[in-house]
């Protein structure tokens, strides 16, 4: 099942299956091609749309990682523990 963004647009399964690093690499490659300006308009629009989905997927992956991050805290008695990081 593909992830969705807040607007409800589905991220295609081929993008949802990518790791953060893979999606970021594809996004960077798309940006390079679009910056060259050699694409036909229809191809550029498709690339832009795919780039937007890749960007959204990367954002979701980063949020997932942030939710997993914990910070180390020192208790009043000197004990060491963890608690969810306040990243916002």
N, C-alpha and C. Protein backbone atom coordinates (compact mmCIF):
# COMPACT_ATOMS: atom_id res chain seq x y z
N UNK A 1 0.84 -1.18 0.00
CA UNK A 1 0.00 0.00 0.00
C UNK A 1 0.88 1.25 0.00
N UNK A 2 0.60 2.22 -0.82
CA UNK A 2 1.40 3.43 -0.93
C UNK A 2 1.02 4.43 0.16
N UNK A 3 2.01 5.24 0.55
CA UNK A 3 1.76 6.31 1.51
C UNK A 3 0.97 7.41 0.82
N UNK A 4 0.34 8.25 1.65
CA UNK A 4 -0.34 9.41 1.10
C UNK A 4 0.15 10.65 1.79
N UNK A 5 0.04 11.78 1.10
CA UNK A 5 0.40 13.03 1.75
C UNK A 5 -0.84 13.64 2.38
N UNK A 6 -0.69 14.79 2.99
CA UNK A 6 -1.81 15.42 3.69
C UNK A 6 -2.96 15.76 2.76
N UNK A 7 -2.69 16.01 1.50
CA UNK A 7 -3.74 16.35 0.56
C UNK A 7 -4.46 15.11 0.05
N UNK A 8 -3.97 13.92 0.42
CA UNK A 8 -4.61 12.69 0.00
C UNK A 8 -4.07 12.12 -1.29
N UNK A 9 -3.13 12.79 -1.95
CA UNK A 9 -2.55 12.27 -3.18
C UNK A 9 -1.65 11.09 -2.84
N UNK A 10 -1.84 9.99 -3.53
CA UNK A 10 -1.07 8.79 -3.24
C UNK A 10 0.32 8.86 -3.85
N UNK A 11 1.27 8.37 -3.09
CA UNK A 11 2.62 8.22 -3.60
C UNK A 11 2.67 6.86 -4.28
N UNK A 12 3.05 6.80 -5.56
CA UNK A 12 3.07 5.52 -6.28
C UNK A 12 3.94 4.48 -5.58
N UNK A 13 3.57 3.23 -5.73
CA UNK A 13 4.27 2.13 -5.05
C UNK A 13 5.75 2.08 -5.40
N UNK A 14 6.09 2.42 -6.66
CA UNK A 14 7.51 2.37 -7.03
C UNK A 14 8.33 3.40 -6.27
N UNK A 15 7.73 4.54 -5.94
CA UNK A 15 8.42 5.55 -5.14
C UNK A 15 8.38 5.18 -3.67
N UNK A 16 7.24 4.70 -3.20
CA UNK A 16 7.10 4.32 -1.79
C UNK A 16 8.07 3.22 -1.39
N UNK A 17 8.49 2.40 -2.35
CA UNK A 17 9.42 1.30 -2.07
C UNK A 17 10.87 1.77 -1.96
N UNK A 18 11.14 3.01 -2.36
CA UNK A 18 12.51 3.51 -2.35
C UNK A 18 12.95 3.90 -0.95
N UNK A 19 14.24 3.71 -0.69
CA UNK A 19 14.81 4.23 0.55
C UNK A 19 14.94 5.74 0.40
N UNK A 20 15.23 6.42 1.50
CA UNK A 20 15.43 7.86 1.45
C UNK A 20 16.55 8.20 0.46
N UNK A 21 17.65 7.47 0.58
CA UNK A 21 18.82 7.76 -0.26
C UNK A 21 18.53 7.54 -1.74
N UNK A 22 17.80 6.49 -2.06
CA UNK A 22 17.45 6.21 -3.46
C UNK A 22 16.53 7.30 -4.01
N UNK A 23 15.53 7.69 -3.22
CA UNK A 23 14.60 8.73 -3.66
C UNK A 23 15.32 10.06 -3.84
N UNK A 24 16.21 10.38 -2.92
CA UNK A 24 16.96 11.62 -3.02
C UNK A 24 17.85 11.64 -4.26
N UNK A 25 18.50 10.52 -4.55
CA UNK A 25 19.35 10.43 -5.75
C UNK A 25 18.52 10.63 -7.02
N UNK A 26 17.34 10.01 -7.07
CA UNK A 26 16.47 10.19 -8.24
C UNK A 26 16.01 11.64 -8.36
N UNK A 27 15.68 12.24 -7.23
CA UNK A 27 15.25 13.63 -7.24
C UNK A 27 16.37 14.54 -7.73
N UNK A 28 17.57 14.31 -7.27
CA UNK A 28 18.70 15.12 -7.72
C UNK A 28 18.93 14.97 -9.22
N UNK A 29 18.80 13.76 -9.72
CA UNK A 29 18.97 13.52 -11.16
C UNK A 29 17.88 14.25 -11.97
N UNK A 30 16.64 14.20 -11.48
CA UNK A 30 15.56 14.91 -12.16
C UNK A 30 15.82 16.41 -12.21
N UNK A 31 16.28 16.95 -11.11
CA UNK A 31 16.56 18.39 -11.04
C UNK A 31 17.65 18.76 -12.05
N UNK A 32 18.69 17.96 -12.13
CA UNK A 32 19.77 18.22 -13.11
C UNK A 32 19.22 18.25 -14.53
N UNK A 33 18.37 17.25 -14.85
CA UNK A 33 17.81 17.20 -16.21
C UNK A 33 16.90 18.39 -16.49
N UNK A 34 16.09 18.78 -15.49
CA UNK A 34 15.20 19.92 -15.68
C UNK A 34 15.99 21.22 -15.81
N UNK A 35 17.08 21.33 -15.07
CA UNK A 35 17.89 22.54 -15.15
C UNK A 35 18.55 22.71 -16.51
N UNK A 36 18.85 21.59 -17.18
CA UNK A 36 19.44 21.67 -18.52
C UNK A 36 18.47 22.31 -19.50
N UNK A 37 17.18 22.04 -19.32
CA UNK A 37 16.16 22.63 -20.18
C UNK A 37 16.04 21.98 -21.54
N UNK A 38 16.57 20.78 -21.69
CA UNK A 38 16.52 20.09 -22.98
C UNK A 38 15.23 19.28 -23.18
N UNK A 39 14.39 19.18 -22.17
CA UNK A 39 13.20 18.34 -22.24
C UNK A 39 12.08 19.02 -23.01
N UNK A 40 11.24 18.20 -23.62
CA UNK A 40 10.01 18.71 -24.19
C UNK A 40 9.11 19.08 -23.03
N UNK A 41 8.15 19.93 -23.28
CA UNK A 41 7.28 20.43 -22.22
C UNK A 41 6.57 19.29 -21.48
N UNK A 42 6.01 18.34 -22.21
CA UNK A 42 5.30 17.23 -21.56
C UNK A 42 6.23 16.40 -20.68
N UNK A 43 7.45 16.17 -21.15
CA UNK A 43 8.43 15.42 -20.37
C UNK A 43 8.84 16.21 -19.12
N UNK A 44 9.00 17.50 -19.28
CA UNK A 44 9.37 18.34 -18.14
C UNK A 44 8.27 18.34 -17.08
N UNK A 45 7.03 18.39 -17.52
CA UNK A 45 5.90 18.36 -16.58
C UNK A 45 5.86 17.04 -15.83
N UNK A 46 6.04 15.94 -16.55
CA UNK A 46 6.06 14.61 -15.90
C UNK A 46 7.22 14.50 -14.91
N UNK A 47 8.36 15.03 -15.31
CA UNK A 47 9.53 15.01 -14.42
C UNK A 47 9.26 15.84 -13.17
N UNK A 48 8.65 16.99 -13.36
CA UNK A 48 8.34 17.86 -12.22
C UNK A 48 7.36 17.16 -11.27
N UNK A 49 6.34 16.53 -11.84
CA UNK A 49 5.36 15.82 -11.01
C UNK A 49 6.01 14.67 -10.24
N UNK A 50 6.87 13.91 -10.91
CA UNK A 50 7.57 12.82 -10.23
C UNK A 50 8.50 13.39 -9.16
N UNK A 51 9.15 14.49 -9.48
CA UNK A 51 10.03 15.13 -8.50
C UNK A 51 9.28 15.56 -7.25
N UNK A 52 8.08 16.08 -7.44
CA UNK A 52 7.26 16.49 -6.30
C UNK A 52 6.91 15.28 -5.43
N UNK A 53 6.61 14.15 -6.06
CA UNK A 53 6.31 12.92 -5.31
C UNK A 53 7.55 12.39 -4.60
N UNK A 54 8.69 12.46 -5.27
CA UNK A 54 9.94 12.02 -4.63
C UNK A 54 10.26 12.90 -3.43
N UNK A 55 10.06 14.20 -3.57
CA UNK A 55 10.29 15.13 -2.47
C UNK A 55 9.39 14.80 -1.29
N UNK A 56 8.13 14.55 -1.57
CA UNK A 56 7.16 14.22 -0.52
C UNK A 56 7.58 12.92 0.18
N UNK A 57 8.01 11.94 -0.59
CA UNK A 57 8.45 10.67 -0.02
C UNK A 57 9.66 10.88 0.89
N UNK A 58 10.60 11.70 0.45
CA UNK A 58 11.78 12.00 1.28
C UNK A 58 11.35 12.68 2.58
N UNK A 59 10.41 13.61 2.50
CA UNK A 59 9.92 14.29 3.70
C UNK A 59 9.29 13.29 4.67
N UNK A 60 8.50 12.35 4.14
CA UNK A 60 7.88 11.33 4.98
C UNK A 60 8.93 10.45 5.65
N UNK A 61 9.94 10.06 4.89
CA UNK A 61 11.02 9.23 5.45
C UNK A 61 11.76 9.97 6.56
N UNK A 62 12.00 11.26 6.37
CA UNK A 62 12.67 12.05 7.40
C UNK A 62 11.81 12.16 8.66
N UNK A 63 10.51 12.36 8.48
CA UNK A 63 9.61 12.42 9.65
C UNK A 63 9.61 11.09 10.40
N UNK A 64 9.59 9.99 9.66
CA UNK A 64 9.64 8.67 10.30
C UNK A 64 10.92 8.54 11.14
N UNK A 65 12.03 8.98 10.58
CA UNK A 65 13.30 8.89 11.30
C UNK A 65 13.29 9.79 12.53
N UNK A 66 12.73 10.98 12.40
CA UNK A 66 12.67 11.89 13.54
C UNK A 66 11.85 11.31 14.68
N UNK A 67 10.78 10.62 14.36
CA UNK A 67 9.94 10.03 15.39
C UNK A 67 10.66 8.91 16.14
N UNK A 68 11.66 8.31 15.51
CA UNK A 68 12.40 7.23 16.14
C UNK A 68 13.55 7.72 17.01
N UNK A 69 13.92 8.98 16.82
CA UNK A 69 15.06 9.53 17.54
C UNK A 69 14.67 9.75 19.00
N UNK A 70 15.54 9.35 19.87
CA UNK A 70 15.35 9.60 21.29
C UNK A 70 16.52 10.41 21.79
N UNK A 71 16.27 11.19 22.82
CA UNK A 71 17.38 11.93 23.40
C UNK A 71 17.74 11.30 24.74
N UNK A 72 19.01 11.38 25.07
CA UNK A 72 19.51 10.85 26.33
C UNK A 72 19.33 11.92 27.39
N UNK A 73 18.77 11.52 28.52
CA UNK A 73 18.54 12.46 29.61
C UNK A 73 19.22 11.96 30.87
N UNK A 74 19.64 12.89 31.68
CA UNK A 74 20.26 12.58 32.95
C UNK A 74 19.25 12.89 34.05
N UNK A 75 18.91 11.87 34.83
CA UNK A 75 17.95 12.05 35.91
C UNK A 75 18.55 12.80 37.08
N UNK A 76 17.70 13.30 37.98
CA UNK A 76 18.15 14.05 39.15
C UNK A 76 19.06 13.21 40.03
N UNK A 77 18.85 11.90 40.03
CA UNK A 77 19.68 11.01 40.85
C UNK A 77 20.93 10.53 40.12
N UNK A 78 21.18 11.08 38.94
CA UNK A 78 22.36 10.71 38.17
C UNK A 78 22.14 9.54 37.22
N UNK A 79 20.94 8.98 37.22
CA UNK A 79 20.66 7.87 36.31
C UNK A 79 20.51 8.39 34.88
N UNK A 80 20.83 7.52 33.95
CA UNK A 80 20.74 7.86 32.53
C UNK A 80 19.54 7.14 31.94
N UNK A 81 18.77 7.87 31.16
CA UNK A 81 17.61 7.29 30.50
C UNK A 81 17.39 7.95 29.15
N UNK A 82 16.31 7.60 28.51
CA UNK A 82 15.96 8.20 27.22
C UNK A 82 14.52 8.65 27.25
N UNK A 83 14.22 9.59 26.39
CA UNK A 83 12.84 10.03 26.18
C UNK A 83 12.74 10.50 24.75
N UNK A 84 11.53 10.51 24.20
CA UNK A 84 11.38 10.97 22.81
C UNK A 84 11.93 12.38 22.64
N UNK A 85 12.60 12.61 21.55
CA UNK A 85 13.16 13.93 21.28
C UNK A 85 12.07 14.87 20.85
N UNK A 86 12.12 16.10 21.33
CA UNK A 86 11.19 17.13 20.92
C UNK A 86 11.80 17.86 19.75
N UNK A 87 11.41 17.48 18.53
CA UNK A 87 12.06 17.97 17.32
C UNK A 87 11.31 19.11 16.65
N UNK A 88 10.23 19.52 17.23
CA UNK A 88 9.45 20.60 16.58
C UNK A 88 9.59 21.89 17.30
